[in-house]
Structure formats: structure tokens, C-alpha cells
Protein backbone atom coordinates (compact mmCIF):
# COMPACT_ATOMS: atom_id res chain seq x y z
CA MET A 1 -40.02 -62.73 35.95
CA HIS A 2 -38.62 -59.84 33.34
CA GLY A 3 -41.97 -58.73 32.13
CA ARG A 4 -42.84 -58.04 35.10
CA LYS A 5 -40.26 -56.12 36.24
CA ALA A 6 -40.63 -54.41 32.68
CA SER A 7 -44.15 -53.45 33.09
CA ALA A 8 -43.68 -52.17 37.00
CA LEU A 9 -40.90 -49.89 35.40
CA SER A 10 -43.07 -48.53 32.60
CA ARG A 11 -46.12 -47.62 35.43
CA ASP A 12 -43.14 -45.75 37.07
CA VAL A 13 -41.83 -44.07 34.26
CA GLN A 14 -45.27 -43.09 32.60
CA SER A 15 -46.42 -41.78 36.19
CA HIS A 16 -43.31 -39.66 36.51
CA ARG A 17 -43.68 -37.80 32.65
CA PRO A 18 -44.64 -33.66 33.57
CA VAL A 19 -47.65 -32.68 32.14
CA PRO A 20 -47.82 -31.06 29.27
CA SER A 21 -48.65 -27.35 30.41
CA THR A 22 -45.60 -27.15 32.87
CA TYR A 23 -42.75 -27.19 30.32
CA ARG A 24 -44.08 -25.64 27.48
CA SER A 25 -43.05 -22.05 27.96
CA PRO A 26 -45.96 -18.82 27.64
CA SER A 27 -45.42 -17.18 24.30
CA ILE A 28 -43.21 -14.34 25.08
CA ASP A 29 -43.11 -10.91 23.28
CA ILE A 30 -39.29 -9.98 22.66
CA SER A 31 -39.58 -7.11 20.03
CA LEU A 32 -37.42 -4.39 20.68
CA SER A 33 -37.96 -1.00 20.85
CA ALA A 34 -37.10 1.22 18.70
CA ASP A 35 -33.70 2.49 20.59
CA ARG A 36 -32.34 -0.29 21.02
CA ILE A 37 -32.91 -1.11 16.78
CA ARG A 38 -31.04 2.25 16.48
CA LEU A 39 -28.39 0.41 18.86
CA LEU A 40 -27.71 -2.67 17.22
CA LYS A 41 -27.86 -0.63 14.03
CA THR A 42 -24.78 1.27 15.00
CA TRP A 43 -23.53 -1.54 16.12
CA CYS A 44 -23.51 -2.82 12.45
CA ASP A 45 -21.86 0.17 11.42
CA MET A 46 -18.92 -0.16 13.89
CA VAL A 47 -18.18 -3.89 12.78
CA SER A 48 -19.11 -2.87 8.93
CA ASN A 49 -16.10 -0.39 9.55
CA LYS A 50 -13.77 -2.57 10.93
CA PHE A 51 -14.56 -5.78 8.70
CA GLY A 52 -14.15 -3.25 5.84
CA LEU A 53 -17.62 -4.08 4.26
CA THR A 54 -18.50 -2.44 1.67
CA GLN A 55 -22.15 -0.25 1.31
CA GLU A 56 -24.11 -2.70 0.14
CA GLN A 57 -22.90 -5.10 2.65
CA LEU A 58 -23.72 -2.80 5.63
CA GLN A 59 -27.16 -2.43 4.08
CA ASP A 60 -27.36 -6.01 4.08
CA LEU A 61 -26.45 -6.42 8.11
CA ARG A 62 -29.20 -3.23 9.13
CA GLY A 63 -31.74 -5.06 7.00
CA THR A 64 -30.81 -8.29 9.32
CA VAL A 65 -31.48 -5.83 12.07
CA ASP A 66 -34.88 -5.21 10.82
CA PHE A 67 -36.41 -8.80 9.87
CA SER A 68 -34.70 -10.45 13.51
CA ALA A 69 -35.39 -7.44 15.78
CA LEU A 70 -39.15 -9.12 16.18
CA CYS A 71 -37.73 -12.66 17.25
CA LEU A 72 -34.58 -12.67 18.36
CA GLN A 73 -33.06 -11.08 21.57
CA PRO A 74 -29.98 -8.37 21.17
CA GLY A 75 -27.26 -11.49 21.70
CA ASP A 76 -28.36 -13.56 19.17
CA ILE A 77 -28.78 -10.40 16.74
CA GLN A 78 -25.47 -9.28 17.52
CA ILE A 79 -24.05 -12.97 16.97
CA ARG A 80 -25.66 -13.27 13.82
CA ILE A 81 -24.51 -9.95 12.00
CA PHE A 82 -20.67 -10.72 13.22
CA GLN A 83 -20.75 -14.11 11.82
CA GLN A 84 -22.19 -12.77 8.44
CA ALA A 85 -20.04 -9.70 8.94
CA ALA A 86 -17.07 -12.36 9.01
CA LEU A 87 -18.24 -14.01 5.99
CA TYR A 88 -18.80 -10.75 3.86
CA GLN A 89 -15.01 -10.06 5.13
CA THR A 90 -13.98 -12.84 3.89
CA PHE A 91 -15.87 -13.05 0.36
CA ASN A 92 -14.09 -9.73 0.02
CA ALA A 93 -10.19 -10.80 0.62
CA VAL A 94 -11.47 -14.11 -2.25
CA ALA A 95 -12.16 -11.77 -4.58
CA ALA A 96 -9.68 -8.70 -4.45
CA GLN A 97 -7.09 -11.73 -4.94
CA LYS A 98 -8.86 -13.09 -8.28
CA VAL A 99 -6.71 -12.06 -11.17
CA ASP A 100 -8.50 -10.62 -14.29
CA TYR A 101 -7.08 -13.39 -17.10
CA SER A 102 -7.67 -10.89 -19.93
CA LEU A 103 -5.52 -8.09 -18.82
CA PHE A 104 -2.66 -10.63 -19.30
CA GLN A 105 -3.83 -12.20 -22.62
CA THR A 106 -2.17 -9.76 -24.85
CA VAL A 107 1.31 -10.20 -22.89
CA LEU A 108 0.21 -14.19 -23.33
CA GLU A 109 0.13 -14.06 -27.05
CA ASP A 110 3.07 -12.31 -27.39
CA THR A 111 5.09 -14.16 -25.30
CA GLN A 112 3.63 -17.03 -27.27
CA LYS A 113 4.29 -15.16 -30.67
CA ARG A 114 8.35 -14.56 -29.45
CA LEU A 115 8.66 -18.44 -28.01
CA GLY A 116 6.75 -20.38 -30.79
CA ALA A 117 9.12 -20.81 -34.43
CA LYS A 118 11.53 -18.05 -33.26
CA TYR A 119 12.42 -16.10 -30.29
CA SER A 120 14.03 -12.86 -31.07
CA LEU A 121 15.98 -10.41 -28.33
CA THR A 122 14.49 -6.85 -27.76
CA LYS A 123 15.76 -3.95 -29.31
CA GLU A 124 17.70 -3.10 -25.99
CA GLU A 125 19.02 -6.70 -24.82
CA VAL A 126 20.39 -6.69 -29.04
CA ASN A 127 22.44 -3.73 -28.27
CA THR A 128 23.35 -5.08 -25.01
CA VAL A 129 25.20 -8.47 -27.31
CA ILE A 130 26.72 -6.02 -29.62
CA THR A 131 28.38 -3.97 -27.03
CA PHE A 132 29.70 -7.34 -25.68
CA THR A 133 30.46 -8.59 -28.87
CA LYS A 134 32.66 -5.08 -29.78
CA ASP A 135 34.91 -5.52 -26.59
CA ALA A 136 35.30 -8.58 -27.21
CA ILE A 137 36.13 -8.37 -30.80
CA PHE A 138 38.73 -5.36 -29.95
CA GLN A 139 40.17 -7.06 -27.38
CA ALA A 140 44.16 -7.18 -27.53
CA ASP A 141 45.03 -10.21 -26.60
CA ARG A 142 42.62 -12.17 -29.22
CA THR A 143 43.96 -14.11 -32.04
CA SER A 144 41.28 -16.14 -32.96
CA TYR A 145 37.19 -14.97 -33.39
CA MET A 146 36.29 -18.49 -35.31
CA ASP A 147 34.74 -19.20 -31.39
CA ILE A 148 33.71 -15.24 -30.38
CA HIS A 149 30.12 -16.27 -30.16
CA LEU A 150 31.27 -18.52 -26.93
CA ASP A 151 33.26 -16.16 -25.09
CA VAL A 152 30.17 -13.42 -25.88
CA GLU A 153 27.89 -16.22 -24.56
CA ALA A 154 30.02 -17.20 -21.93
CA ILE A 155 30.66 -13.14 -20.87
CA LEU A 156 26.39 -12.83 -21.36
CA ARG A 157 25.81 -15.60 -18.78
CA LYS A 158 28.43 -14.38 -16.28
CA LYS A 159 26.71 -11.09 -16.54
CA ALA A 160 23.44 -11.92 -17.03
CA GLU A 161 21.95 -10.44 -13.52
CA SER A 162 23.32 -7.09 -13.89
CA LEU A 163 22.50 -7.35 -17.45
CA ASP A 164 19.17 -8.20 -17.27
CA LEU A 165 19.17 -10.83 -19.31
CA LEU A 166 18.38 -13.77 -16.85
CA HIS A 167 15.11 -14.37 -18.34
CA ILE A 168 16.93 -15.70 -21.57
CA PHE A 169 19.59 -18.27 -20.37
CA LYS A 170 16.49 -19.37 -17.81
CA SER A 171 14.61 -20.83 -20.31
CA ASP A 172 14.87 -24.12 -22.11
CA VAL A 173 12.82 -23.48 -25.18
CA LYS A 174 16.10 -20.32 -26.12
CA THR A 175 18.98 -21.89 -25.79
């Protein structure tokens, strides 16, 4: 009984299928006029300015108009151009954030030398330490000179930020 209903149903479905010629769209020529292409290229310029694209990227967008004008509607072309411009903008932002680490190579090598076997203060830092050491030596109430280095270190730690010596006291390597 089920077989009989199924075959009757399939005959009904087959009889209601549309004829292929009724659901095919006729070939339509959608190529754009020269004026429309010019307007789309002007729109490319506007989008390029908005997204801050390079001249080469703008030329790519204009090329998209040229080869899309033969087969796409203006709205489709504009969507594709806008999408491509957004991708270019993202690419430009990522490229701008890339750091050229070769520029930091000399700084890195200098830092490694200073922190390697021996750390030394810069001339300015040495002068700052000398100044505070002299002040500590010539204090009127000073009677002990054996632990003066501890007093100078304590003073320098307190004033490290204002003396631009913070980097010395924050590093575990140097203390």
C-alpha cells in the first residue's frame, strides 16, 4: 500500500516540474556605459581617500571597475570595491604597526654588554652618585663612615624617580 502511494506521489511531483526553458533567465547584456564606469572610478577615488589607501591600491580598485564592468551591476561593483578598500586599510594598519627590530639591534647589544658580566653607570649617573655621596660625607652630624654606602643607596632609592635612576633599582640583575 505504501508503494502505491509513493508512486502516485512521484508522478504528481514529476507532472508539476517546471519546464527548463521557463526558469532559465535570458542572456542579458549588463555591460556599463563609459559614463557609469567614470562615475564608479570617481567613487573609487572617494573610497580610497576615506580609507587612506596608497596610489597603487587605488589603481587596483580602478582596475576592479574595468574588469567588473562587463559582468556585474554597479551595486555589486561598489560592494566589492568597498570590501577591497576595507581590506587594504586593515593591511595598511597592520603594516604600520610592524616594528623594524633591526633598528633596535645596537641598543640591544649595548644593553646586553652592560648587563652581561659587569654593569656600569653612565657618566651622568656616576656624577649623581658622587654628588649625593659628598653630601653624605660632609653632613655635620655624621660620626660613622663605615656604612656611608648604605645611607647613599637609601637616599638614591628614595629619590630614584626624580633623579632618573629608577631603571637601576628596578632591575634584579643590577642589585
